[in-house]
Amino acid sequence: MNAKELHDKTPDQLRDELVNLKKEAFNLRFQQATGQLENPARLRTVKRDAARVKTVLNQKAAQAAAAE
């Protein structure tokens, strides 16, 4: 997922995406703790995607505040 795709989404869609990413990160951390994690790089990717979503949400909120 890249930032360009995220900029096209609405804030509600971004929040839903963030919830899904956080759930996935939790499940991956749980798998890592129990030794069942098959792809350790996926954990890093999910965390970065969540950070991207948060960044775009904050940018959209700043734009909305500036427009008022």
N, C-alpha and C. Protein backbone atom coordinates (compact mmCIF):
# COMPACT_ATOMS: atom_id res chain seq x y z
N MET A 1 0.84 -1.17 0.00
CA MET A 1 0.00 0.00 0.00
C MET A 1 0.90 1.24 0.00
N ASN A 2 0.61 2.16 -0.90
CA ASN A 2 1.43 3.37 -0.93
C ASN A 2 0.58 4.57 -0.52
N ALA A 3 1.23 5.68 -0.29
CA ALA A 3 0.55 6.87 0.20
C ALA A 3 -0.44 7.42 -0.82
N LYS A 4 -0.14 7.25 -2.09
CA LYS A 4 -1.04 7.76 -3.13
C LYS A 4 -2.40 7.07 -3.04
N GLU A 5 -2.42 5.77 -2.81
CA GLU A 5 -3.68 5.05 -2.64
C GLU A 5 -4.43 5.55 -1.42
N LEU A 6 -3.69 5.86 -0.37
CA LEU A 6 -4.32 6.30 0.88
C LEU A 6 -4.94 7.69 0.74
N HIS A 7 -4.30 8.56 -0.03
CA HIS A 7 -4.82 9.92 -0.21
C HIS A 7 -6.17 9.91 -0.92
N ASP A 8 -6.44 8.87 -1.69
CA ASP A 8 -7.70 8.78 -2.42
C ASP A 8 -8.86 8.30 -1.56
N LYS A 9 -8.56 7.78 -0.37
CA LYS A 9 -9.60 7.24 0.49
C LYS A 9 -10.17 8.33 1.41
N THR A 10 -11.39 8.07 1.88
CA THR A 10 -12.02 9.00 2.82
C THR A 10 -11.49 8.73 4.22
N PRO A 11 -11.64 9.69 5.13
CA PRO A 11 -11.18 9.45 6.51
C PRO A 11 -11.81 8.23 7.17
N ASP A 12 -13.08 7.97 6.87
CA ASP A 12 -13.72 6.78 7.44
C ASP A 12 -13.07 5.49 6.93
N GLN A 13 -12.76 5.46 5.65
CA GLN A 13 -12.09 4.29 5.07
C GLN A 13 -10.70 4.14 5.68
N LEU A 14 -10.03 5.25 5.92
CA LEU A 14 -8.69 5.19 6.51
C LEU A 14 -8.76 4.66 7.94
N ARG A 15 -9.76 5.10 8.68
CA ARG A 15 -9.90 4.60 10.06
C ARG A 15 -10.18 3.09 10.07
N ASP A 16 -11.02 2.64 9.15
CA ASP A 16 -11.28 1.19 9.05
C ASP A 16 -10.00 0.43 8.70
N GLU A 17 -9.23 0.99 7.77
CA GLU A 17 -7.96 0.37 7.38
C GLU A 17 -7.00 0.31 8.57
N LEU A 18 -6.98 1.37 9.37
CA LEU A 18 -6.10 1.41 10.54
C LEU A 18 -6.51 0.35 11.55
N VAL A 19 -7.79 0.19 11.76
CA VAL A 19 -8.28 -0.84 12.69
C VAL A 19 -7.85 -2.22 12.21
N ASN A 20 -8.01 -2.47 10.92
CA ASN A 20 -7.62 -3.77 10.37
C ASN A 20 -6.12 -4.01 10.51
N LEU A 21 -5.33 -2.98 10.26
CA LEU A 21 -3.88 -3.13 10.38
C LEU A 21 -3.47 -3.38 11.82
N LYS A 22 -4.12 -2.71 12.75
CA LYS A 22 -3.80 -2.92 14.17
C LYS A 22 -4.15 -4.33 14.62
N LYS A 23 -5.28 -4.84 14.12
CA LYS A 23 -5.66 -6.22 14.44
C LYS A 23 -4.63 -7.20 13.88
N GLU A 24 -4.22 -6.94 12.64
CA GLU A 24 -3.24 -7.82 12.02
C GLU A 24 -1.91 -7.77 12.77
N ALA A 25 -1.50 -6.57 13.18
CA ALA A 25 -0.25 -6.43 13.93
C ALA A 25 -0.33 -7.19 15.26
N PHE A 26 -1.48 -7.11 15.92
CA PHE A 26 -1.66 -7.84 17.17
C PHE A 26 -1.53 -9.33 16.94
N ASN A 27 -2.19 -9.83 15.90
CA ASN A 27 -2.12 -11.27 15.60
C ASN A 27 -0.70 -11.69 15.26
N LEU A 28 0.02 -10.85 14.52
CA LEU A 28 1.41 -11.19 14.18
C LEU A 28 2.30 -11.19 15.41
N ARG A 29 2.09 -10.23 16.31
CA ARG A 29 2.87 -10.21 17.55
C ARG A 29 2.59 -11.45 18.38
N PHE A 30 1.34 -11.86 18.40
CA PHE A 30 0.96 -13.06 19.15
C PHE A 30 1.63 -14.29 18.55
N GLN A 31 1.63 -14.37 17.22
CA GLN A 31 2.29 -15.49 16.55
C GLN A 31 3.79 -15.48 16.83
N GLN A 32 4.38 -14.30 16.86
CA GLN A 32 5.82 -14.19 17.12
C GLN A 32 6.13 -14.67 18.53
N ALA A 33 5.29 -14.31 19.48
CA ALA A 33 5.51 -14.71 20.87
C ALA A 33 5.40 -16.21 21.06
N THR A 34 4.55 -16.85 20.27
CA THR A 34 4.37 -18.29 20.41
C THR A 34 5.26 -19.08 19.45
N GLY A 35 6.05 -18.37 18.67
CA GLY A 35 6.98 -19.05 17.77
C GLY A 35 6.35 -19.57 16.50
N GLN A 36 5.19 -19.06 16.12
CA GLN A 36 4.49 -19.55 14.94
C GLN A 36 4.56 -18.59 13.76
N LEU A 37 5.31 -17.51 13.90
CA LEU A 37 5.37 -16.50 12.85
C LEU A 37 6.21 -17.02 11.69
N GLU A 38 5.58 -17.11 10.51
CA GLU A 38 6.28 -17.64 9.34
C GLU A 38 7.03 -16.57 8.57
N ASN A 39 6.49 -15.35 8.53
CA ASN A 39 7.11 -14.28 7.76
C ASN A 39 7.36 -13.07 8.67
N PRO A 40 8.52 -12.98 9.29
CA PRO A 40 8.80 -11.89 10.22
C PRO A 40 8.78 -10.51 9.55
N ALA A 41 9.05 -10.45 8.26
CA ALA A 41 9.06 -9.17 7.56
C ALA A 41 7.64 -8.58 7.48
N ARG A 42 6.64 -9.41 7.55
CA ARG A 42 5.26 -8.93 7.47
C ARG A 42 4.93 -8.02 8.65
N LEU A 43 5.48 -8.30 9.82
CA LEU A 43 5.24 -7.49 11.00
C LEU A 43 5.73 -6.06 10.76
N ARG A 44 6.89 -5.93 10.19
CA ARG A 44 7.46 -4.62 9.90
C ARG A 44 6.62 -3.88 8.85
N THR A 45 6.17 -4.60 7.84
CA THR A 45 5.36 -4.00 6.78
C THR A 45 4.04 -3.48 7.34
N VAL A 46 3.41 -4.26 8.19
CA VAL A 46 2.12 -3.87 8.76
C VAL A 46 2.28 -2.63 9.64
N LYS A 47 3.34 -2.59 10.42
CA LYS A 47 3.58 -1.43 11.28
C LYS A 47 3.81 -0.17 10.45
N ARG A 48 4.53 -0.30 9.36
CA ARG A 48 4.79 0.86 8.50
C ARG A 48 3.52 1.31 7.79
N ASP A 49 2.71 0.35 7.37
CA ASP A 49 1.44 0.71 6.72
C ASP A 49 0.53 1.46 7.70
N ALA A 50 0.51 1.00 8.94
CA ALA A 50 -0.31 1.69 9.95
C ALA A 50 0.20 3.11 10.15
N ALA A 51 1.50 3.29 10.17
CA ALA A 51 2.08 4.63 10.32
C ALA A 51 1.71 5.51 9.12
N ARG A 52 1.71 4.93 7.93
CA ARG A 52 1.32 5.68 6.73
C ARG A 52 -0.13 6.15 6.83
N VAL A 53 -1.00 5.25 7.29
CA VAL A 53 -2.42 5.59 7.42
C VAL A 53 -2.58 6.71 8.43
N LYS A 54 -1.89 6.63 9.56
CA LYS A 54 -1.98 7.68 10.57
C LYS A 54 -1.49 9.02 10.02
N THR A 55 -0.42 8.98 9.26
CA THR A 55 0.12 10.21 8.68
C THR A 55 -0.88 10.85 7.74
N VAL A 56 -1.49 10.07 6.88
CA VAL A 56 -2.47 10.61 5.93
C VAL A 56 -3.69 11.14 6.67
N LEU A 57 -4.14 10.44 7.72
CA LEU A 57 -5.26 10.92 8.51
C LEU A 57 -4.95 12.28 9.14
N ASN A 58 -3.74 12.40 9.68
CA ASN A 58 -3.35 13.67 10.29
C ASN A 58 -3.25 14.78 9.25
N GLN A 59 -2.76 14.46 8.07
CA GLN A 59 -2.68 15.46 7.00
C GLN A 59 -4.07 15.92 6.59
N LYS A 60 -5.00 14.98 6.48
CA LYS A 60 -6.37 15.35 6.09
C LYS A 60 -7.01 16.18 7.18
N ALA A 61 -6.75 15.86 8.45
CA ALA A 61 -7.31 16.64 9.55
C ALA A 61 -6.74 18.06 9.56
N ALA A 62 -5.46 18.19 9.26
CA ALA A 62 -4.83 19.51 9.21
C ALA A 62 -5.39 20.33 8.05
N GLN A 63 -5.64 19.68 6.93
CA GLN A 63 -6.22 20.38 5.78
C GLN A 63 -7.64 20.86 6.10
N ALA A 64 -8.39 20.01 6.79
CA ALA A 64 -9.76 20.38 7.14
C ALA A 64 -9.76 21.55 8.13
N ALA A 65 -8.83 21.54 9.06
CA ALA A 65 -8.74 22.63 10.04
C ALA A 65 -8.30 23.93 9.38
N ALA A 66 -7.43 23.83 8.40
CA ALA A 66 -6.95 25.02 7.71
C ALA A 66 -8.03 25.61 6.80
N ALA A 67 -8.91 24.75 6.30
CA ALA A 67 -9.95 25.21 5.39
C ALA A 67 -11.06 25.96 6.14
N GLU A 68 -11.18 25.72 7.43
CA GLU A 68 -12.24 26.38 8.20
C GLU A 68 -11.89 27.77 8.60
